[in-house]
Amino acid sequence: MKKRFLAVMLFVILFSFTVKADEEISKMTGIKDHEYKIKPYSVSDSTGETIYMIPLRETCEALGFDVHWNGKGNISVSKGMFKATLTVGQDNYKNRYGDQIKLYLSPNMKDGVTYVPHIFFYYVLDLDVFYLNDNLYFRYKIDDIMPKVYNKYIYEINKVNEKDDEGNIKKVSKKAVPVKSTYIVYPYIENQKHSFVNKKLETYIKETFSEYDYDRLYVKYDIGIYDKNFLSVIFDGFLEKGKTKRKIFNSINFDLKKGTVLSPDDFIKVSWKDREKIVNKLKESYKRGQFMFGDLNMYLMKDAVIFFVPEADPTPMEYYKNYEINDMLSEEYKKRF
């Protein structure tokens, strides 16, 4: 409980809010696709941190929870044996275990509707939620992993002529127009034993995605595996350049015991025969272009490994169960995977 409390303290520290008017959120996706009747809204603090205020009843009921108003602002959210409580206007939440959670953000009521901050779903209902491509994306939380956002805009200054009723220019003003927007959701590991992962991920994101030429870039992540040995983070999204839209798919893998990034070169034997076998199988399903083992990436799952070619479109992939690839693994990873 102390770790969770500290994580919330680091993530949110007593905000003074202003309502943001530039983001129109009309839909939730992920676990459930739902068109909002009552729109969420966003607020930001003086540092630019964005918090999404989400209509509690409509969202929870769409996700299969029952919501009960118990009088005097007390609300319970339940599904089967799961039950959480909160009180309007009070930073006093309780999760399914009865643990008191402080978010330093209180539920509020607006026009008869109760709104909660999006981090309520993470810390109280065990759900990830983040803004992606004008929607709120919900999915089931993975312990110790919290979604964070790398968000960057590049603006250009345009001159705007204001004219009077006769068409004469009366004023020339300057307006900042976004010409490039980057929105990448990536995982933050709360377990400080693996803090090296967070540093590597932030570096990877800034270096990798700065190489692309685009107008808009939206990317979310998934987790292939997270255990005592490995973490596989998969990035999936798209970029737009003019009228062209392109899919983005890549991954970064970590050896948590060694504290290093894990590549296919580390994972597979230094054997031309074994590596060529993987490449040839991929080529069977992808007839365009040529690639070698060094062009491949991979991600790990609980009982399998998936090899793919990141820059190819569509992305060719080959799925190997553990026992199918065991003979190709390097001696070190044969013992651990």
C-alpha atoms as a PDB file:
ATOM      1  CA  MET A   1       0.000   0.000   0.000  1.00  0.00           C
ATOM      2  CA  LYS A   2       2.892   2.376   0.736  1.00  0.00           C
ATOM      3  CA  LYS A   3       4.317   1.802  -2.755  1.00  0.00           C
ATOM      4  CA  ARG A   4       0.968   2.570  -4.369  1.00  0.00           C
ATOM      5  CA  PHE A   5       0.515   5.692  -2.243  1.00  0.00           C
ATOM      6  CA  LEU A   6       4.002   6.901  -3.180  1.00  0.00           C
ATOM      7  CA  ALA A   7       3.360   6.242  -6.879  1.00  0.00           C
ATOM      8  CA  VAL A   8       0.229   8.364  -6.770  1.00  0.00           C
ATOM      9  CA  MET A   9       2.143  11.094  -4.970  1.00  0.00           C
ATOM     10  CA  LEU A  10       4.739  11.105  -7.733  1.00  0.00           C
ATOM     11  CA  PHE A  11       2.150  11.065 -10.495  1.00  0.00           C
ATOM     12  CA  VAL A  12      -0.204  13.740  -9.201  1.00  0.00           C
ATOM     13  CA  ILE A  13       0.751  16.541  -6.798  1.00  0.00           C
ATOM     14  CA  LEU A  14      -2.048  18.946  -5.807  1.00  0.00           C
ATOM     15  CA  PHE A  15      -3.099  20.583  -9.055  1.00  0.00           C
ATOM     16  CA  SER A  16      -4.632  23.984  -9.705  1.00  0.00           C
ATOM     17  CA  PHE A  17      -6.799  23.192 -12.709  1.00  0.00           C
ATOM     18  CA  THR A  18      -7.904  24.969 -15.838  1.00  0.00           C
ATOM     19  CA  VAL A  19     -10.369  23.372 -18.225  1.00  0.00           C
ATOM     20  CA  LYS A  20      -8.931  22.483 -21.614  1.00  0.00           C
ATOM     21  CA  ALA A  21     -11.144  23.179 -24.595  1.00  0.00           C
ATOM     22  CA  ASP A  22      -9.018  21.716 -27.395  1.00  0.00           C
ATOM     23  CA  GLU A  23      -9.747  18.000 -26.938  1.00  0.00           C
ATOM     24  CA  GLU A  24     -13.165  16.629 -27.895  1.00  0.00           C
ATOM     25  CA  ILE A  25     -13.604  13.126 -26.467  1.00  0.00           C
ATOM     26  CA  SER A  26     -16.689  11.370 -27.772  1.00  0.00           C
ATOM     27  CA  LYS A  27     -15.902   7.646 -27.539  1.00  0.00           C
ATOM     28  CA  MET A  28     -14.362   4.931 -25.389  1.00  0.00           C
ATOM     29  CA  THR A  29     -12.577   1.976 -27.013  1.00  0.00           C
ATOM     30  CA  GLY A  30     -10.553  -1.044 -25.939  1.00  0.00           C
ATOM     31  CA  ILE A  31     -12.438  -3.359 -23.577  1.00  0.00           C
ATOM     32  CA  LYS A  32     -15.685  -1.857 -24.819  1.00  0.00           C
ATOM     33  CA  ASP A  33     -16.603   0.403 -27.717  1.00  0.00           C
ATOM     34  CA  HIS A  34     -19.049   3.035 -26.512  1.00  0.00           C
ATOM     35  CA  GLU A  35     -20.204   6.397 -27.858  1.00  0.00           C
ATOM     36  CA  TYR A  36     -20.455   8.843 -24.952  1.00  0.00           C
ATOM     37  CA  LYS A  37     -23.784  10.548 -24.387  1.00  0.00           C
ATOM     38  CA  ILE A  38     -22.194  12.667 -21.664  1.00  0.00           C
ATOM     39  CA  LYS A  39     -18.786  13.821 -22.840  1.00  0.00           C
ATOM     40  CA  PRO A  40     -15.638  13.532 -20.698  1.00  0.00           C
ATOM     41  CA  TYR A  41     -13.554  16.672 -20.453  1.00  0.00           C
ATOM     42  CA  SER A  42      -9.930  17.414 -19.677  1.00  0.00           C
ATOM     43  CA  VAL A  43      -8.289  19.745 -17.198  1.00  0.00           C
ATOM     44  CA  SER A  44      -4.661  20.776 -16.981  1.00  0.00           C
ATOM     45  CA  ASP A  45      -2.456  22.152 -14.258  1.00  0.00           C
ATOM     46  CA  SER A  46       0.201  24.842 -14.440  1.00  0.00           C
ATOM     47  CA  THR A  47       2.780  22.252 -15.576  1.00  0.00           C
ATOM     48  CA  GLY A  48       0.634  21.096 -18.482  1.00  0.00           C
ATOM     49  CA  GLU A  49      -0.242  17.713 -16.942  1.00  0.00           C
ATOM     50  CA  THR A  50      -3.554  16.516 -18.392  1.00  0.00           C
ATOM     51  CA  ILE A  51      -6.226  14.820 -16.295  1.00  0.00           C
ATOM     52  CA  TYR A  52      -9.367  13.454 -17.968  1.00  0.00           C
ATOM     53  CA  MET A  53     -12.565  13.840 -15.978  1.00  0.00           C
ATOM     54  CA  ILE A  54     -14.808  10.933 -16.943  1.00  0.00           C
ATOM     55  CA  PRO A  55     -18.570  10.505 -16.309  1.00  0.00           C
ATOM     56  CA  LEU A  56     -18.634   7.783 -13.666  1.00  0.00           C
ATOM     57  CA  ARG A  57     -22.004   6.071 -14.155  1.00  0.00           C
ATOM     58  CA  GLU A  58     -22.054   5.969 -17.963  1.00  0.00           C
ATOM     59  CA  THR A  59     -18.466   4.700 -18.173  1.00  0.00           C
ATOM     60  CA  CYS A  60     -18.730   2.091 -15.416  1.00  0.00           C
ATOM     61  CA  GLU A  61     -22.052   0.726 -16.666  1.00  0.00           C
ATOM     62  CA  ALA A  62     -20.619   0.434 -20.197  1.00  0.00           C
ATOM     63  CA  LEU A  63     -17.782  -1.626 -18.648  1.00  0.00           C
ATOM     64  CA  GLY A  64     -20.256  -3.922 -16.846  1.00  0.00           C
ATOM     65  CA  PHE A  65     -20.131  -2.406 -13.345  1.00  0.00           C
ATOM     66  CA  ASP A  66     -23.171  -1.555 -11.227  1.00  0.00           C
ATOM     67  CA  VAL A  67     -23.189   1.974  -9.806  1.00  0.00           C
ATOM     68  CA  HIS A  68     -25.238   2.828  -6.702  1.00  0.00           C
ATOM     69  CA  TRP A  69     -25.823   6.245  -5.158  1.00  0.00           C
ATOM     70  CA  ASN A  70     -26.055   5.672  -1.400  1.00  0.00           C
ATOM     71  CA  GLY A  71     -27.010   9.203  -0.378  1.00  0.00           C
ATOM     72  CA  LYS A  72     -24.949  12.169   0.833  1.00  0.00           C
ATOM     73  CA  GLY A  73     -22.583  11.813  -2.116  1.00  0.00           C
ATOM     74  CA  ASN A  74     -21.537   8.244  -1.261  1.00  0.00           C
ATOM     75  CA  ILE A  75     -21.220   5.976  -4.316  1.00  0.00           C
ATOM     76  CA  SER A  76     -20.394   2.290  -4.707  1.00  0.00           C
ATOM     77  CA  VAL A  77     -19.128   0.635  -7.888  1.00  0.00           C
ATOM     78  CA  SER A  78     -19.426  -3.152  -8.022  1.00  0.00           C
ATOM     79  CA  LYS A  79     -19.144  -6.186 -10.286  1.00  0.00           C
ATOM     80  CA  GLY A  80     -19.665  -9.615  -8.716  1.00  0.00           C
ATOM     81  CA  MET A  81     -17.472  -9.778  -5.595  1.00  0.00           C
ATOM     82  CA  PHE A  82     -15.634  -6.599  -6.644  1.00  0.00           C
ATOM     83  CA  LYS A  83     -16.732  -3.444  -4.801  1.00  0.00           C
ATOM     84  CA  ALA A  84     -15.173   0.019  -4.581  1.00  0.00           C
ATOM     85  CA  THR A  85     -16.481   3.192  -2.937  1.00  0.00           C
ATOM     86  CA  LEU A  86     -16.022   6.936  -3.290  1.00  0.00           C
ATOM     87  CA  THR A  87     -17.560  10.171  -2.062  1.00  0.00           C
ATOM     88  CA  VAL A  88     -18.265  13.262  -4.165  1.00  0.00           C
ATOM     89  CA  GLY A  89     -16.019  16.149  -3.150  1.00  0.00           C
ATOM     90  CA  GLN A  90     -13.704  14.004  -1.030  1.00  0.00           C
ATOM     91  CA  ASP A  91     -10.306  12.531  -1.838  1.00  0.00           C
ATOM     92  CA  ASN A  92     -11.357   9.315  -0.152  1.00  0.00           C
ATOM     93  CA  TYR A  93     -11.534   6.212  -2.350  1.00  0.00           C
ATOM     94  CA  LYS A  94     -11.576   2.565  -1.294  1.00  0.00           C
ATOM     95  CA  ASN A  95     -10.640  -0.320  -3.574  1.00  0.00           C
ATOM     96  CA  ARG A  96     -11.924  -3.913  -3.501  1.00  0.00           C
ATOM     97  CA  TYR A  97      -9.612  -4.784  -0.585  1.00  0.00           C
ATOM     98  CA  GLY A  98     -10.853  -1.908   1.554  1.00  0.00           C
ATOM     99  CA  ASP A  99      -7.561  -0.012   1.137  1.00  0.00           C
ATOM    100  CA  GLN A 100      -7.969   3.745   1.322  1.00  0.00           C
ATOM    101  CA  ILE A 101      -6.581   5.403  -1.816  1.00  0.00           C
ATOM    102  CA  LYS A 102      -5.683   9.073  -2.061  1.00  0.00           C
ATOM    103  CA  LEU A 103      -5.427  10.488  -5.584  1.00  0.00           C
ATOM    104  CA  TYR A 104      -5.222  14.172  -4.572  1.00  0.00           C
ATOM    105  CA  LEU A 105      -8.146  14.623  -6.954  1.00  0.00           C
ATOM    106  CA  SER A 106     -11.751  14.452  -5.791  1.00  0.00           C
ATOM    107  CA  PRO A 107     -14.819  13.274  -7.713  1.00  0.00           C
ATOM    108  CA  ASN A 108     -16.957  16.268  -8.660  1.00  0.00           C
ATOM    109  CA  MET A 109     -20.513  16.847  -9.737  1.00  0.00           C
ATOM    110  CA  LYS A 110     -21.421  18.935 -12.757  1.00  0.00           C
ATOM    111  CA  ASP A 111     -24.998  19.386 -14.010  1.00  0.00           C
ATOM    112  CA  GLY A 112     -26.097  16.393 -11.952  1.00  0.00           C
ATOM    113  CA  VAL A 113     -23.348  14.116 -13.318  1.00  0.00           C
ATOM    114  CA  THR A 114     -20.507  12.695 -11.208  1.00  0.00           C
ATOM    115  CA  TYR A 115     -17.067  12.838 -12.837  1.00  0.00           C
ATOM    116  CA  VAL A 116     -13.921  11.054 -11.678  1.00  0.00           C
ATOM    117  CA  PRO A 117     -10.275  11.538 -12.755  1.00  0.00           C
ATOM    118  CA  HIS A 118      -9.013   8.891 -15.163  1.00  0.00           C
ATOM    119  CA  ILE A 119      -6.447   7.634 -12.646  1.00  0.00           C
ATOM    120  CA  PHE A 120      -9.410   6.487 -10.505  1.00  0.00           C
ATOM    121  CA  PHE A 121      -9.812   3.578 -12.939  1.00  0.00           C
ATOM    122  CA  TYR A 122      -6.141   2.596 -12.564  1.00  0.00           C
ATOM    123  CA  TYR A 123      -5.763   2.805  -8.784  1.00  0.00           C
ATOM    124  CA  VAL A 124      -9.269   1.804  -7.711  1.00  0.00           C
ATOM    125  CA  LEU A 125     -10.809  -0.342 -10.495  1.00  0.00           C
ATOM    126  CA  ASP A 126      -7.586  -1.949 -11.833  1.00  0.00           C
ATOM    127  CA  LEU A 127      -8.031  -0.632 -15.374  1.00  0.00           C
ATOM    128  CA  ASP A 128      -5.653   1.271 -17.630  1.00  0.00           C
ATOM    129  CA  VAL A 129      -7.152   4.276 -19.362  1.00  0.00           C
ATOM    130  CA  PHE A 130      -5.469   6.760 -21.674  1.00  0.00           C
ATOM    131  CA  TYR A 131      -6.325   9.225 -24.413  1.00  0.00           C
ATOM    132  CA  LEU A 132      -5.553   7.960 -27.913  1.00  0.00           C
ATOM    133  CA  ASN A 133      -6.630   9.374 -31.269  1.00  0.00           C
ATOM    134  CA  ASP A 134      -9.494  11.447 -29.797  1.00  0.00           C
ATOM    135  CA  ASN A 135     -10.829   8.472 -27.785  1.00  0.00           C
ATOM    136  CA  LEU A 136     -10.399   7.146 -24.267  1.00  0.00           C
ATOM    137  CA  TYR A 137      -8.839   3.686 -24.449  1.00  0.00           C
ATOM    138  CA  PHE A 138      -9.619   1.218 -21.618  1.00  0.00           C
ATOM    139  CA  ARG A 139      -7.957  -2.120 -20.902  1.00  0.00           C
ATOM    140  CA  TYR A 140      -7.222  -4.399 -17.948  1.00  0.00           C
ATOM    141  CA  LYS A 141      -4.286  -3.302 -15.814  1.00  0.00           C
ATOM    142  CA  ILE A 142      -1.069  -5.256 -15.457  1.00  0.00           C
ATOM    143  CA  ASP A 143       0.375  -5.108 -11.936  1.00  0.00           C
ATOM    144  CA  ASP A 144       3.256  -2.637 -11.491  1.00  0.00           C
ATOM    145  CA  ILE A 145       2.792  -1.151 -14.968  1.00  0.00           C
ATOM    146  CA  MET A 146       1.252   2.276 -15.419  1.00  0.00           C
ATOM    147  CA  PRO A 147       0.618   4.012 -18.758  1.00  0.00           C
ATOM    148  CA  LYS A 148       2.446   7.276 -19.368  1.00  0.00           C
ATOM    149  CA  VAL A 149       2.415   9.582 -22.363  1.00  0.00           C
ATOM    150  CA  TYR A 150       5.098  11.148 -24.518  1.00  0.00           C
ATOM    151  CA  ASN A 151       3.265  14.067 -26.099  1.00  0.00           C
ATOM    152  CA  LYS A 152       4.937  16.651 -28.305  1.00  0.00           C
ATOM    153  CA  TYR A 153       3.681  19.357 -30.653  1.00  0.00           C
ATOM    154  CA  ILE A 154       5.680  21.389 -33.139  1.00  0.00           C
ATOM    155  CA  TYR A 155       4.084  24.684 -34.156  1.00  0.00           C
ATOM    156  CA  GLU A 156       4.605  27.183 -36.926  1.00  0.00           C
ATOM    157  CA  ILE A 157       3.594  30.830 -36.696  1.00  0.00           C
ATOM    158  CA  ASN A 158       1.124  31.918 -39.362  1.00  0.00           C
ATOM    159  CA  LYS A 159       0.102  35.476 -40.100  1.00  0.00           C
ATOM    160  CA  VAL A 160      -3.661  36.011 -40.039  1.00  0.00           C
ATOM    161  CA  ASN A 161      -5.253  39.067 -41.663  1.00  0.00           C
ATOM    162  CA  GLU A 162      -8.343  40.436 -39.959  1.00  0.00           C
ATOM    163  CA  LYS A 163     -10.542  42.468 -42.306  1.00  0.00           C
ATOM    164  CA  ASP A 164     -13.274  45.032 -41.722  1.00  0.00           C
ATOM    165  CA  ASP A 165     -16.714  44.969 -43.359  1.00  0.00           C
ATOM    166  CA  GLU A 166     -15.325  46.594 -46.516  1.00  0.00           C
ATOM    167  CA  GLY A 167     -12.590  43.993 -46.913  1.00  0.00           C
ATOM    168  CA  ASN A 168      -9.735  46.208 -45.778  1.00  0.00           C
ATOM    169  CA  ILE A 169      -7.052  44.722 -43.550  1.00  0.00           C
ATOM    170  CA  LYS A 170      -7.451  46.251 -40.119  1.00  0.00           C
ATOM    171  CA  LYS A 171      -5.079  44.011 -38.171  1.00  0.00           C
ATOM    172  CA  VAL A 172      -2.365  41.436 -38.814  1.00  0.00           C
ATOM    173  CA  SER A 173      -2.010  38.915 -36.002  1.00  0.00           C
ATOM    174  CA  LYS A 174       0.120  35.839 -35.495  1.00  0.00           C
ATOM    175  CA  LYS A 175      -1.315  32.408 -34.767  1.00  0.00           C
ATOM    176  CA  ALA A 176       0.493  29.241 -33.670  1.00  0.00           C
ATOM    177  CA  VAL A 177      -0.643  26.268 -35.768  1.00  0.00           C
ATOM    178  CA  PRO A 178       0.419  22.684 -34.924  1.00  0.00           C
ATOM    179  CA  VAL A 179       2.208  21.153 -37.926  1.00  0.00           C
ATOM    180  CA  LYS A 180       3.423  18.017 -36.198  1.00  0.00           C
ATOM    181  CA  SER A 181       1.913  16.096 -33.267  1.00  0.00           C
ATOM    182  CA  THR A 182       3.317  13.088 -31.436  1.00  0.00           C
ATOM    183  CA  TYR A 183       1.256  11.012 -29.010  1.00  0.00           C
ATOM    184  CA  ILE A 184       2.880   7.831 -27.691  1.00  0.00           C
ATOM    185  CA  VAL A 185       1.526   5.837 -24.744  1.00  0.00           C
ATOM    186  CA  TYR A 186       4.247   3.781 -23.095  1.00  0.00           C
ATOM    187  CA  PRO A 187       4.599   1.748 -19.871  1.00  0.00           C
ATOM    188  CA  TYR A 188       6.121   3.016 -16.649  1.00  0.00           C
ATOM    189  CA  ILE A 189       7.313   0.289 -14.274  1.00  0.00           C
ATOM    190  CA  GLU A 190       6.441   1.134 -10.670  1.00  0.00           C
ATOM    191  CA  ASN A 191       8.773  -1.520  -9.260  1.00  0.00           C
ATOM    192  CA  GLN A 192      11.940   0.494  -8.615  1.00  0.00           C
ATOM    193  CA  LYS A 193      14.050  -2.656  -8.964  1.00  0.00           C
ATOM    194  CA  HIS A 194      13.479  -2.292 -12.710  1.00  0.00           C
ATOM    195  CA  SER A 195      13.958   1.470 -12.956  1.00  0.00           C
ATOM    196  CA  PHE A 196      16.497   0.911 -15.756  1.00  0.00           C
ATOM    197  CA  VAL A 197      13.540  -0.138 -17.943  1.00  0.00           C
ATOM    198  CA  ASN A 198      11.911   3.279 -17.590  1.00  0.00           C
ATOM    199  CA  LYS A 199      15.108   5.070 -18.591  1.00  0.00           C
ATOM    200  CA  LYS A 200      15.644   2.787 -21.579  1.00  0.00           C
ATOM    201  CA  LEU A 201      12.039   3.149 -22.719  1.00  0.00           C
ATOM    202  CA  GLU A 202      12.122   6.952 -22.613  1.00  0.00           C
ATOM    203  CA  THR A 203      15.377   6.991 -24.586  1.00  0.00           C
ATOM    204  CA  TYR A 204      14.039   4.422 -27.063  1.00  0.00           C
ATOM    205  CA  ILE A 205      10.880   6.425 -27.693  1.00  0.00           C
ATOM    206  CA  LYS A 206      12.618   9.756 -28.209  1.00  0.00           C
ATOM    207  CA  GLU A 207      15.295   8.297 -30.479  1.00  0.00           C
ATOM    208  CA  THR A 208      13.186   5.826 -32.465  1.00  0.00           C
ATOM    209  CA  PHE A 209      10.135   7.922 -33.185  1.00  0.00           C
ATOM    210  CA  SER A 210      12.111  11.077 -33.959  1.00  0.00           C
ATOM    211  CA  GLU A 211      13.403   9.231 -37.043  1.00  0.00           C
ATOM    212  CA  TYR A 212       9.972   9.107 -38.679  1.00  0.00           C
ATOM    213  CA  ASP A 213       8.750  11.866 -40.991  1.00  0.00           C
ATOM    214  CA  TYR A 214       5.087  12.528 -40.181  1.00  0.00           C
ATOM    215  CA  ASP A 215       2.371  15.086 -39.484  1.00  0.00           C
ATOM    216  CA  ARG A 216       0.557  13.036 -36.836  1.00  0.00           C
ATOM    217  CA  LEU A 217       1.736  10.005 -34.881  1.00  0.00           C
ATOM    218  CA  TYR A 218      -0.415   7.937 -32.502  1.00  0.00           C
ATOM    219  CA  VAL A 219       1.048   4.870 -30.772  1.00  0.00           C
ATOM    220  CA  LYS A 220      -0.134   2.704 -27.855  1.00  0.00           C
ATOM    221  CA  TYR A 221       1.585  -0.227 -26.192  1.00  0.00           C
ATOM    222  CA  ASP A 222       0.774  -3.806 -25.224  1.00  0.00           C
ATOM    223  CA  ILE A 223       2.691  -6.203 -22.990  1.00  0.00           C
ATOM    224  CA  GLY A 224       3.684  -9.585 -24.400  1.00  0.00           C
ATOM    225  CA  ILE A 225       5.207 -10.924 -21.193  1.00  0.00           C
ATOM    226  CA  TYR A 226       6.128  -9.527 -17.782  1.00  0.00           C
ATOM    227  CA  ASP A 227       7.639 -11.955 -15.297  1.00  0.00           C
ATOM    228  CA  LYS A 228      10.812 -12.313 -13.213  1.00  0.00           C
ATOM    229  CA  ASN A 229      12.897 -12.940 -16.354  1.00  0.00           C
ATOM    230  CA  PHE A 230      11.519 -10.853 -19.210  1.00  0.00           C
ATOM    231  CA  LEU A 231       9.471  -7.846 -20.230  1.00  0.00           C
ATOM    232  CA  SER A 232       8.295  -7.421 -23.829  1.00  0.00           C
ATOM    233  CA  VAL A 233       6.723  -4.087 -24.812  1.00  0.00           C
ATOM    234  CA  ILE A 234       4.935  -3.934 -28.167  1.00  0.00           C
ATOM    235  CA  PHE A 235       4.222  -0.583 -29.831  1.00  0.00           C
ATOM    236  CA  ASP A 236       1.292  -0.436 -32.226  1.00  0.00           C
ATOM    237  CA  GLY A 237      -0.174   2.612 -33.966  1.00  0.00           C
ATOM    238  CA  PHE A 238      -0.067   4.725 -37.095  1.00  0.00           C
ATOM    239  CA  LEU A 239       1.461   7.829 -38.604  1.00  0.00           C
ATOM    240  CA  GLU A 240       0.025  10.253 -41.123  1.00  0.00           C
ATOM    241  CA  LYS A 241       2.008  12.243 -43.656  1.00  0.00           C
ATOM    242  CA  GLY A 242      -0.231  14.330 -45.864  1.00  0.00           C
ATOM    243  CA  LYS A 243      -2.831  11.913 -47.259  1.00  0.00           C
ATOM    244  CA  THR A 244      -0.699   8.852 -46.527  1.00  0.00           C
ATOM    245  CA  LYS A 245      -1.442   6.734 -43.457  1.00  0.00           C
ATOM    246  CA  ARG A 246       1.055   4.104 -42.347  1.00  0.00           C
ATOM    247  CA  LYS A 247       0.911   1.436 -39.641  1.00  0.00           C
ATOM    248  CA  ILE A 248       3.620   1.423 -36.966  1.00  0.00           C
ATOM    249  CA  PHE A 249       4.554  -1.846 -35.251  1.00  0.00           C
ATOM    250  CA  ASN A 250       7.697  -2.568 -33.236  1.00  0.00           C
ATOM    251  CA  SER A 251       8.856  -3.866 -29.873  1.00  0.00           C
ATOM    252  CA  ILE A 252      11.564  -3.600 -27.249  1.00  0.00           C
ATOM    253  CA  ASN A 253      12.447  -6.532 -25.001  1.00  0.00           C
ATOM    254  CA  PHE A 254      14.200  -6.563 -21.640  1.00  0.00           C
ATOM    255  CA  ASP A 255      16.174  -9.203 -19.788  1.00  0.00           C
ATOM    256  CA  LEU A 256      15.162  -8.231 -16.261  1.00  0.00           C
ATOM    257  CA  LYS A 257      17.706 -10.473 -14.536  1.00  0.00           C
ATOM    258  CA  LYS A 258      20.653  -9.038 -16.465  1.00  0.00           C
ATOM    259  CA  GLY A 259      19.255  -5.496 -16.680  1.00  0.00           C
ATOM    260  CA  THR A 260      19.757  -5.303 -20.447  1.00  0.00           C
ATOM    261  CA  VAL A 261      17.801  -4.933 -23.676  1.00  0.00           C
ATOM    262  CA  LEU A 262      17.277  -8.313 -25.325  1.00  0.00           C
ATOM    263  CA  SER A 263      17.563  -8.671 -29.124  1.00  0.00           C
ATOM    264  CA  PRO A 264      17.037 -11.612 -31.513  1.00  0.00           C
ATOM    265  CA  ASP A 265      20.849 -11.786 -31.841  1.00  0.00           C
ATOM    266  CA  ASP A 266      21.114 -12.507 -28.104  1.00  0.00           C
ATOM    267  CA  PHE A 267      18.177 -14.902 -28.087  1.00  0.00           C
ATOM    268  CA  ILE A 268      18.929 -17.198 -31.036  1.00  0.00           C
ATOM    269  CA  LYS A 269      22.067 -19.286 -31.539  1.00  0.00           C
ATOM    270  CA  VAL A 270      24.855 -17.802 -33.647  1.00  0.00           C
ATOM    271  CA  SER A 271      24.075 -20.366 -36.299  1.00  0.00           C
ATOM    272  CA  TRP A 272      23.499 -19.553 -39.975  1.00  0.00           C
ATOM    273  CA  LYS A 273      21.277 -22.633 -40.338  1.00  0.00           C
ATOM    274  CA  ASP A 274      18.960 -21.760 -37.421  1.00  0.00           C
ATOM    275  CA  ARG A 275      18.691 -18.082 -38.294  1.00  0.00           C
ATOM    276  CA  GLU A 276      18.090 -18.811 -41.971  1.00  0.00           C
ATOM    277  CA  LYS A 277      15.259 -21.168 -41.007  1.00  0.00           C
ATOM    278  CA  ILE A 278      13.440 -18.323 -39.224  1.00  0.00           C
ATOM    279  CA  VAL A 279      14.018 -15.886 -42.100  1.00  0.00           C
ATOM    280  CA  ASN A 280      12.836 -18.348 -44.756  1.00  0.00           C
ATOM    281  CA  LYS A 281       9.654 -19.108 -42.857  1.00  0.00           C
ATOM    282  CA  LEU A 282       8.880 -15.379 -42.719  1.00  0.00           C
ATOM    283  CA  LYS A 283       9.600 -14.996 -46.413  1.00  0.00           C
ATOM    284  CA  GLU A 284       7.029 -17.705 -47.199  1.00  0.00           C
ATOM    285  CA  SER A 285       4.290 -15.500 -45.788  1.00  0.00           C
ATOM    286  CA  TYR A 286       5.642 -12.234 -47.204  1.00  0.00           C
ATOM    287  CA  LYS A 287       6.499 -12.202 -50.888  1.00  0.00           C
ATOM    288  CA  ARG A 288       7.620  -8.574 -51.283  1.00  0.00           C
ATOM    289  CA  GLY A 289      11.118  -7.310 -50.575  1.00  0.00           C
ATOM    290  CA  GLN A 290      14.187  -8.974 -49.153  1.00  0.00           C
ATOM    291  CA  PHE A 291      15.354  -9.087 -45.547  1.00  0.00           C
ATOM    292  CA  MET A 292      17.929 -10.844 -43.398  1.00  0.00           C
ATOM    293  CA  PHE A 293      18.007 -11.988 -39.776  1.00  0.00           C
ATOM    294  CA  GLY A 294      19.465  -8.627 -38.745  1.00  0.00           C
ATOM    295  CA  ASP A 295      16.288  -6.916 -40.019  1.00  0.00           C
ATOM    296  CA  LEU A 296      14.051  -8.908 -37.663  1.00  0.00           C
ATOM    297  CA  ASN A 297      12.674  -8.043 -34.274  1.00  0.00           C
ATOM    298  CA  MET A 298      10.682 -10.163 -31.845  1.00  0.00           C
ATOM    299  CA  TYR A 299       8.498 -10.098 -28.789  1.00  0.00           C
ATOM    300  CA  LEU A 300       7.968 -12.742 -26.141  1.00  0.00           C
ATOM    301  CA  MET A 301       4.766 -14.182 -24.756  1.00  0.00           C
ATOM    302  CA  LYS A 302       4.246 -16.584 -21.859  1.00  0.00           C
ATOM    303  CA  ASP A 303       4.637 -19.685 -24.015  1.00  0.00           C
ATOM    304  CA  ALA A 304       5.814 -18.370 -27.375  1.00  0.00           C
ATOM    305  CA  VAL A 305       8.029 -15.986 -29.317  1.00  0.00           C
ATOM    306  CA  ILE A 306       6.911 -13.966 -32.349  1.00  0.00           C
ATOM    307  CA  PHE A 307       9.413 -12.799 -34.988  1.00  0.00           C
ATOM    308  CA  PHE A 308       8.493  -9.973 -37.352  1.00  0.00           C
ATOM    309  CA  VAL A 309       9.899  -7.406 -39.797  1.00  0.00           C
ATOM    310  CA  PRO A 310       9.182  -3.925 -38.321  1.00  0.00           C
ATOM    311  CA  GLU A 311       9.435  -1.788 -41.459  1.00  0.00           C
ATOM    312  CA  ALA A 312       7.423  -4.054 -43.756  1.00  0.00           C
ATOM    313  CA  ASP A 313       3.805  -3.244 -44.581  1.00  0.00           C
ATOM    314  CA  PRO A 314       1.837  -5.374 -43.953  1.00  0.00           C
ATOM    315  CA  THR A 315       4.027  -6.687 -41.137  1.00  0.00           C
ATOM    316  CA  PRO A 316       4.986 -10.357 -41.651  1.00  0.00           C
ATOM    317  CA  MET A 317       5.008 -12.392 -38.420  1.00  0.00           C
ATOM    318  CA  GLU A 318       5.845 -15.940 -37.441  1.00  0.00           C
ATOM    319  CA  TYR A 319       4.675 -17.508 -34.194  1.00  0.00           C
ATOM    320  CA  TYR A 320       6.741 -20.208 -32.460  1.00  0.00           C
ATOM    321  CA  LYS A 321       5.627 -22.147 -29.396  1.00  0.00           C
ATOM    322  CA  ASN A 322       8.376 -22.658 -26.806  1.00  0.00           C
ATOM    323  CA  TYR A 323       8.979 -26.283 -27.726  1.00  0.00           C
ATOM    324  CA  GLU A 324       9.148 -25.448 -31.475  1.00  0.00           C
ATOM    325  CA  ILE A 325      12.039 -23.031 -31.056  1.00  0.00           C
ATOM    326  CA  ASN A 326      13.853 -24.586 -28.115  1.00  0.00           C
ATOM    327  CA  ASP A 327      16.633 -26.103 -30.254  1.00  0.00           C
ATOM    328  CA  MET A 328      17.379 -22.701 -31.824  1.00  0.00           C
ATOM    329  CA  LEU A 329      17.809 -20.811 -28.547  1.00  0.00           C
ATOM    330  CA  SER A 330      21.215 -19.784 -27.261  1.00  0.00           C
ATOM    331  CA  GLU A 331      22.347 -21.916 -24.324  1.00  0.00           C
ATOM    332  CA  GLU A 332      21.703 -19.117 -21.822  1.00  0.00           C
ATOM    333  CA  TYR A 333      18.096 -18.562 -22.840  1.00  0.00           C
ATOM    334  CA  LYS A 334      17.306 -22.235 -23.386  1.00  0.00           C
ATOM    335  CA  LYS A 335      17.481 -22.564 -19.591  1.00  0.00           C
ATOM    336  CA  ARG A 336      15.332 -19.531 -18.854  1.00  0.00           C
ATOM    337  CA  PHE A 337      12.623 -19.372 -21.514  1.00  0.00           C
END
